[in-house]
């Protein structure tokens, strides 16, 4: 059971409703950690824009960004974010065998060069909290400085989301879902 109340339009202040509607127009339902952030309207509004920047406006192609999102979610062991992002990753074109390897906490096999760059960047940053020159250069040389910044920010964003879910014990999304191992 959630440690904080779930906001609804009926329980939101006018400011919260304005922000909620703005987020809804840009990206659809406001749920999970973003809905929790709405308890602080400025945080909810800022979080929504940050999420838009790392999700919809990233310089990393969606099928590759999906690796980063799932790998971060797996590292953080966040069932909520996993359940939410597996279908999005499938829609983005991420192969089922890659999703399954990440779910099991195993390095995926048969990655192409770009997938390998994303995988290494995520693995090093999450496990070592730093990057080797070669790993950073691999992403920067392919997607530019903006790509390296986008990828690090994306990982940080999903760590933030996972920590928020865990801190407040947010309930899982409804419906069928893929389970973490």
C-alpha atoms as a PDB file:
ATOM      1  CA  UNK A   1       0.000   0.000   0.000  1.00  0.00           C
ATOM      2  CA  UNK A   2       1.285   3.448  -0.929  1.00  0.00           C
ATOM      3  CA  UNK A   3       2.776   5.527   1.870  1.00  0.00           C
ATOM      4  CA  UNK A   4       1.380   8.710   0.338  1.00  0.00           C
ATOM      5  CA  UNK A   5      -2.121   9.488  -0.925  1.00  0.00           C
ATOM      6  CA  UNK A   6      -2.800   9.074  -4.623  1.00  0.00           C
ATOM      7  CA  UNK A   7      -3.845  12.398  -6.052  1.00  0.00           C
ATOM      8  CA  UNK A   8      -6.921  12.666  -8.247  1.00  0.00           C
ATOM      9  CA  UNK A   9      -8.253  15.691 -10.100  1.00  0.00           C
ATOM     10  CA  UNK A  10     -10.825  16.063  -7.324  1.00  0.00           C
ATOM     11  CA  UNK A  11      -8.147  16.211  -4.597  1.00  0.00           C
ATOM     12  CA  UNK A  12      -5.688  18.438  -6.467  1.00  0.00           C
ATOM     13  CA  UNK A  13      -5.312  22.156  -5.996  1.00  0.00           C
ATOM     14  CA  UNK A  14      -5.907  24.421  -8.993  1.00  0.00           C
ATOM     15  CA  UNK A  15      -2.146  24.672  -9.537  1.00  0.00           C
ATOM     16  CA  UNK A  16      -1.770  20.877  -9.429  1.00  0.00           C
ATOM     17  CA  UNK A  17      -4.672  20.475 -11.876  1.00  0.00           C
ATOM     18  CA  UNK A  18      -3.085  22.958 -14.301  1.00  0.00           C
ATOM     19  CA  UNK A  19       0.229  21.122 -14.217  1.00  0.00           C
ATOM     20  CA  UNK A  20      -1.445  17.722 -14.431  1.00  0.00           C
ATOM     21  CA  UNK A  21      -3.436  18.766 -17.513  1.00  0.00           C
ATOM     22  CA  UNK A  22      -0.323  20.187 -19.163  1.00  0.00           C
ATOM     23  CA  UNK A  23       1.548  16.924 -18.645  1.00  0.00           C
ATOM     24  CA  UNK A  24      -1.460  14.928 -19.881  1.00  0.00           C
ATOM     25  CA  UNK A  25      -1.558  16.958 -23.103  1.00  0.00           C
ATOM     26  CA  UNK A  26       2.138  16.391 -23.758  1.00  0.00           C
ATOM     27  CA  UNK A  27       2.561  12.749 -22.803  1.00  0.00           C
ATOM     28  CA  UNK A  28      -0.621  11.039 -21.677  1.00  0.00           C
ATOM     29  CA  UNK A  29      -1.552   9.680 -18.248  1.00  0.00           C
ATOM     30  CA  UNK A  30       0.283  11.029 -15.220  1.00  0.00           C
ATOM     31  CA  UNK A  31       1.099   8.059 -13.029  1.00  0.00           C
ATOM     32  CA  UNK A  32       3.572   6.491 -10.653  1.00  0.00           C
ATOM     33  CA  UNK A  33       6.535   8.596  -9.589  1.00  0.00           C
ATOM     34  CA  UNK A  34       5.404  11.624 -11.592  1.00  0.00           C
ATOM     35  CA  UNK A  35       2.006  11.539  -9.904  1.00  0.00           C
ATOM     36  CA  UNK A  36       3.794  11.311  -6.541  1.00  0.00           C
ATOM     37  CA  UNK A  37       5.862  14.370  -7.486  1.00  0.00           C
ATOM     38  CA  UNK A  38       2.623  16.280  -8.070  1.00  0.00           C
ATOM     39  CA  UNK A  39       2.311  16.618  -4.272  1.00  0.00           C
ATOM     40  CA  UNK A  40       4.835  19.426  -4.832  1.00  0.00           C
ATOM     41  CA  UNK A  41       3.500  21.287  -7.889  1.00  0.00           C
ATOM     42  CA  UNK A  42       6.824  22.866  -8.887  1.00  0.00           C
ATOM     43  CA  UNK A  43       8.537  19.482  -8.594  1.00  0.00           C
ATOM     44  CA  UNK A  44       5.771  17.826 -10.637  1.00  0.00           C
ATOM     45  CA  UNK A  45       5.985  20.458 -13.351  1.00  0.00           C
ATOM     46  CA  UNK A  46       9.793  20.355 -13.490  1.00  0.00           C
ATOM     47  CA  UNK A  47       9.831  16.552 -13.384  1.00  0.00           C
ATOM     48  CA  UNK A  48       7.347  16.436 -16.252  1.00  0.00           C
ATOM     49  CA  UNK A  49       9.534  18.658 -18.429  1.00  0.00           C
ATOM     50  CA  UNK A  50      12.677  16.733 -17.461  1.00  0.00           C
ATOM     51  CA  UNK A  51      10.931  13.473 -18.361  1.00  0.00           C
ATOM     52  CA  UNK A  52       9.879  14.915 -21.720  1.00  0.00           C
ATOM     53  CA  UNK A  53      13.480  15.943 -22.428  1.00  0.00           C
ATOM     54  CA  UNK A  54      14.984  12.542 -21.630  1.00  0.00           C
ATOM     55  CA  UNK A  55      12.182  10.470 -23.142  1.00  0.00           C
ATOM     56  CA  UNK A  56      10.661  12.219 -26.133  1.00  0.00           C
ATOM     57  CA  UNK A  57      13.348  14.723 -27.075  1.00  0.00           C
ATOM     58  CA  UNK A  58      16.494  12.626 -26.669  1.00  0.00           C
ATOM     59  CA  UNK A  59      19.133  12.368 -29.377  1.00  0.00           C
ATOM     60  CA  UNK A  60      19.395   8.629 -28.675  1.00  0.00           C
ATOM     61  CA  UNK A  61      17.160   6.536 -30.988  1.00  0.00           C
ATOM     62  CA  UNK A  62      14.145   5.096 -29.157  1.00  0.00           C
ATOM     63  CA  UNK A  63      15.075   1.419 -29.579  1.00  0.00           C
ATOM     64  CA  UNK A  64      18.488   2.175 -28.062  1.00  0.00           C
ATOM     65  CA  UNK A  65      17.103   4.419 -25.334  1.00  0.00           C
ATOM     66  CA  UNK A  66      14.911   1.439 -24.385  1.00  0.00           C
ATOM     67  CA  UNK A  67      18.075  -0.499 -23.489  1.00  0.00           C
ATOM     68  CA  UNK A  68      19.126   2.294 -21.140  1.00  0.00           C
ATOM     69  CA  UNK A  69      15.694   2.528 -19.520  1.00  0.00           C
ATOM     70  CA  UNK A  70      15.346  -1.212 -18.965  1.00  0.00           C
ATOM     71  CA  UNK A  71      18.926  -1.665 -17.842  1.00  0.00           C
ATOM     72  CA  UNK A  72      18.529   1.139 -15.287  1.00  0.00           C
ATOM     73  CA  UNK A  73      15.207  -0.271 -14.147  1.00  0.00           C
ATOM     74  CA  UNK A  74      16.765  -3.733 -13.744  1.00  0.00           C
ATOM     75  CA  UNK A  75      19.753  -2.311 -11.859  1.00  0.00           C
ATOM     76  CA  UNK A  76      17.373  -0.507  -9.492  1.00  0.00           C
ATOM     77  CA  UNK A  77      15.191  -3.645  -9.252  1.00  0.00           C
ATOM     78  CA  UNK A  78      12.066  -1.530  -9.793  1.00  0.00           C
ATOM     79  CA  UNK A  79       9.134  -3.739 -10.740  1.00  0.00           C
ATOM     80  CA  UNK A  80       6.894  -0.717 -11.302  1.00  0.00           C
ATOM     81  CA  UNK A  81       9.150   0.888 -13.905  1.00  0.00           C
ATOM     82  CA  UNK A  82       9.865  -2.497 -15.492  1.00  0.00           C
ATOM     83  CA  UNK A  83       6.154  -3.206 -15.933  1.00  0.00           C
ATOM     84  CA  UNK A  84       5.598   0.212 -17.453  1.00  0.00           C
ATOM     85  CA  UNK A  85       8.550   0.174 -19.847  1.00  0.00           C
ATOM     86  CA  UNK A  86       8.645  -3.351 -21.275  1.00  0.00           C
ATOM     87  CA  UNK A  87       5.652  -2.667 -23.566  1.00  0.00           C
ATOM     88  CA  UNK A  88       7.127   0.700 -24.575  1.00  0.00           C
ATOM     89  CA  UNK A  89      10.456  -0.995 -25.347  1.00  0.00           C
ATOM     90  CA  UNK A  90       8.718  -3.615 -27.476  1.00  0.00           C
ATOM     91  CA  UNK A  91       6.864  -0.879 -29.365  1.00  0.00           C
ATOM     92  CA  UNK A  92      10.179   0.942 -29.907  1.00  0.00           C
ATOM     93  CA  UNK A  93      11.518  -2.187 -31.594  1.00  0.00           C
ATOM     94  CA  UNK A  94      13.793  -3.611 -28.914  1.00  0.00           C
ATOM     95  CA  UNK A  95      14.282  -7.332 -29.514  1.00  0.00           C
ATOM     96  CA  UNK A  96      12.607  -9.740 -27.102  1.00  0.00           C
ATOM     97  CA  UNK A  97      15.864 -11.595 -26.411  1.00  0.00           C
ATOM     98  CA  UNK A  98      17.527  -8.351 -25.289  1.00  0.00           C
ATOM     99  CA  UNK A  99      14.597  -7.567 -22.985  1.00  0.00           C
ATOM    100  CA  UNK A 100      14.758 -11.071 -21.514  1.00  0.00           C
ATOM    101  CA  UNK A 101      18.522 -10.907 -20.932  1.00  0.00           C
ATOM    102  CA  UNK A 102      18.138  -7.601 -19.132  1.00  0.00           C
ATOM    103  CA  UNK A 103      15.256  -9.002 -17.087  1.00  0.00           C
ATOM    104  CA  UNK A 104      17.472 -11.870 -15.970  1.00  0.00           C
ATOM    105  CA  UNK A 105      20.348  -9.513 -15.193  1.00  0.00           C
ATOM    106  CA  UNK A 106      22.524 -11.036 -17.910  1.00  0.00           C
ATOM    107  CA  UNK A 107      24.474  -9.280 -20.652  1.00  0.00           C
ATOM    108  CA  UNK A 108      22.475  -9.516 -23.891  1.00  0.00           C
ATOM    109  CA  UNK A 109      23.976 -11.508 -26.749  1.00  0.00           C
ATOM    110  CA  UNK A 110      24.278 -10.508 -30.400  1.00  0.00           C
ATOM    111  CA  UNK A 111      24.168  -6.768 -29.842  1.00  0.00           C
ATOM    112  CA  UNK A 112      25.069  -4.564 -32.785  1.00  0.00           C
ATOM    113  CA  UNK A 113      27.719  -1.856 -32.401  1.00  0.00           C
ATOM    114  CA  UNK A 114      25.288   0.882 -31.314  1.00  0.00           C
ATOM    115  CA  UNK A 115      23.496  -1.386 -28.827  1.00  0.00           C
ATOM    116  CA  UNK A 116      26.865  -2.372 -27.376  1.00  0.00           C
ATOM    117  CA  UNK A 117      27.823   1.293 -26.882  1.00  0.00           C
ATOM    118  CA  UNK A 118      24.598   1.967 -24.987  1.00  0.00           C
ATOM    119  CA  UNK A 119      24.944  -1.240 -22.946  1.00  0.00           C
ATOM    120  CA  UNK A 120      28.525  -0.463 -21.910  1.00  0.00           C
ATOM    121  CA  UNK A 121      27.723   3.148 -21.047  1.00  0.00           C
ATOM    122  CA  UNK A 122      24.824   2.092 -18.810  1.00  0.00           C
ATOM    123  CA  UNK A 123      26.678  -0.782 -17.196  1.00  0.00           C
ATOM    124  CA  UNK A 124      29.732   1.276 -16.333  1.00  0.00           C
ATOM    125  CA  UNK A 125      27.811   4.288 -15.101  1.00  0.00           C
ATOM    126  CA  UNK A 126      25.434   2.259 -12.941  1.00  0.00           C
ATOM    127  CA  UNK A 127      28.004  -0.145 -11.526  1.00  0.00           C
ATOM    128  CA  UNK A 128      31.100   2.095 -11.272  1.00  0.00           C
ATOM    129  CA  UNK A 129      29.404   5.518 -11.076  1.00  0.00           C
ATOM    130  CA  UNK A 130      31.921   6.617 -13.730  1.00  0.00           C
ATOM    131  CA  UNK A 131      32.847   5.929 -17.349  1.00  0.00           C
ATOM    132  CA  UNK A 132      36.053   4.872 -19.049  1.00  0.00           C
ATOM    133  CA  UNK A 133      37.354   7.203 -21.755  1.00  0.00           C
ATOM    134  CA  UNK A 134      36.635   4.563 -24.407  1.00  0.00           C
ATOM    135  CA  UNK A 135      33.028   4.043 -23.330  1.00  0.00           C
ATOM    136  CA  UNK A 136      32.317   7.763 -23.143  1.00  0.00           C
ATOM    137  CA  UNK A 137      34.000   8.353 -26.507  1.00  0.00           C
ATOM    138  CA  UNK A 138      31.987   5.547 -28.133  1.00  0.00           C
ATOM    139  CA  UNK A 139      28.701   7.286 -27.316  1.00  0.00           C
ATOM    140  CA  UNK A 140      30.034  10.803 -27.928  1.00  0.00           C
ATOM    141  CA  UNK A 141      31.539   9.868 -31.308  1.00  0.00           C
ATOM    142  CA  UNK A 142      28.252   8.320 -32.447  1.00  0.00           C
ATOM    143  CA  UNK A 143      25.618  10.699 -31.021  1.00  0.00           C
ATOM    144  CA  UNK A 144      27.708  13.743 -30.154  1.00  0.00           C
ATOM    145  CA  UNK A 145      28.187  15.484 -26.854  1.00  0.00           C
ATOM    146  CA  UNK A 146      24.416  15.921 -26.642  1.00  0.00           C
ATOM    147  CA  UNK A 147      23.979  12.156 -26.923  1.00  0.00           C
ATOM    148  CA  UNK A 148      26.400  11.476 -24.076  1.00  0.00           C
ATOM    149  CA  UNK A 149      24.661  14.090 -21.940  1.00  0.00           C
ATOM    150  CA  UNK A 150      21.222  12.719 -22.897  1.00  0.00           C
ATOM    151  CA  UNK A 151      22.181   9.158 -22.023  1.00  0.00           C
ATOM    152  CA  UNK A 152      23.633  10.046 -18.612  1.00  0.00           C
ATOM    153  CA  UNK A 153      20.566  12.205 -17.847  1.00  0.00           C
ATOM    154  CA  UNK A 154      18.243   9.392 -18.935  1.00  0.00           C
ATOM    155  CA  UNK A 155      19.915   6.961 -16.573  1.00  0.00           C
ATOM    156  CA  UNK A 156      19.725   9.500 -13.753  1.00  0.00           C
ATOM    157  CA  UNK A 157      16.063  10.190 -14.482  1.00  0.00           C
ATOM    158  CA  UNK A 158      15.121   6.529 -14.225  1.00  0.00           C
ATOM    159  CA  UNK A 159      17.158   6.107 -11.043  1.00  0.00           C
ATOM    160  CA  UNK A 160      15.126   9.026  -9.639  1.00  0.00           C
ATOM    161  CA  UNK A 161      11.881   7.371 -10.740  1.00  0.00           C
ATOM    162  CA  UNK A 162      12.851   4.022  -9.193  1.00  0.00           C
ATOM    163  CA  UNK A 163      13.906   5.619  -5.915  1.00  0.00           C
ATOM    164  CA  UNK A 164      10.625   7.525  -5.727  1.00  0.00           C
ATOM    165  CA  UNK A 165       8.621   4.334  -6.310  1.00  0.00           C
ATOM    166  CA  UNK A 166      10.593   2.568  -3.571  1.00  0.00           C
ATOM    167  CA  UNK A 167      10.462   5.453  -1.096  1.00  0.00           C
ATOM    168  CA  UNK A 168       6.695   5.734  -1.267  1.00  0.00           C
ATOM    169  CA  UNK A 169       5.867   2.075  -1.960  1.00  0.00           C
ATOM    170  CA  UNK A 170       3.772   3.050  -4.984  1.00  0.00           C
ATOM    171  CA  UNK A 171       1.365   0.352  -6.203  1.00  0.00           C
ATOM    172  CA  UNK A 172       2.093  -1.456  -9.462  1.00  0.00           C
ATOM    173  CA  UNK A 173       0.283  -0.313 -12.601  1.00  0.00           C
ATOM    174  CA  UNK A 174      -2.858  -2.270 -13.396  1.00  0.00           C
ATOM    175  CA  UNK A 175      -3.051  -4.954 -16.077  1.00  0.00           C
ATOM    176  CA  UNK A 176      -0.818  -7.760 -17.281  1.00  0.00           C
ATOM    177  CA  UNK A 177       2.881  -7.131 -16.941  1.00  0.00           C
ATOM    178  CA  UNK A 178       6.300  -8.590 -17.387  1.00  0.00           C
ATOM    179  CA  UNK A 179       7.924  -9.530 -14.065  1.00  0.00           C
ATOM    180  CA  UNK A 180      11.511  -8.969 -13.041  1.00  0.00           C
ATOM    181  CA  UNK A 181      13.463 -12.129 -12.219  1.00  0.00           C
END
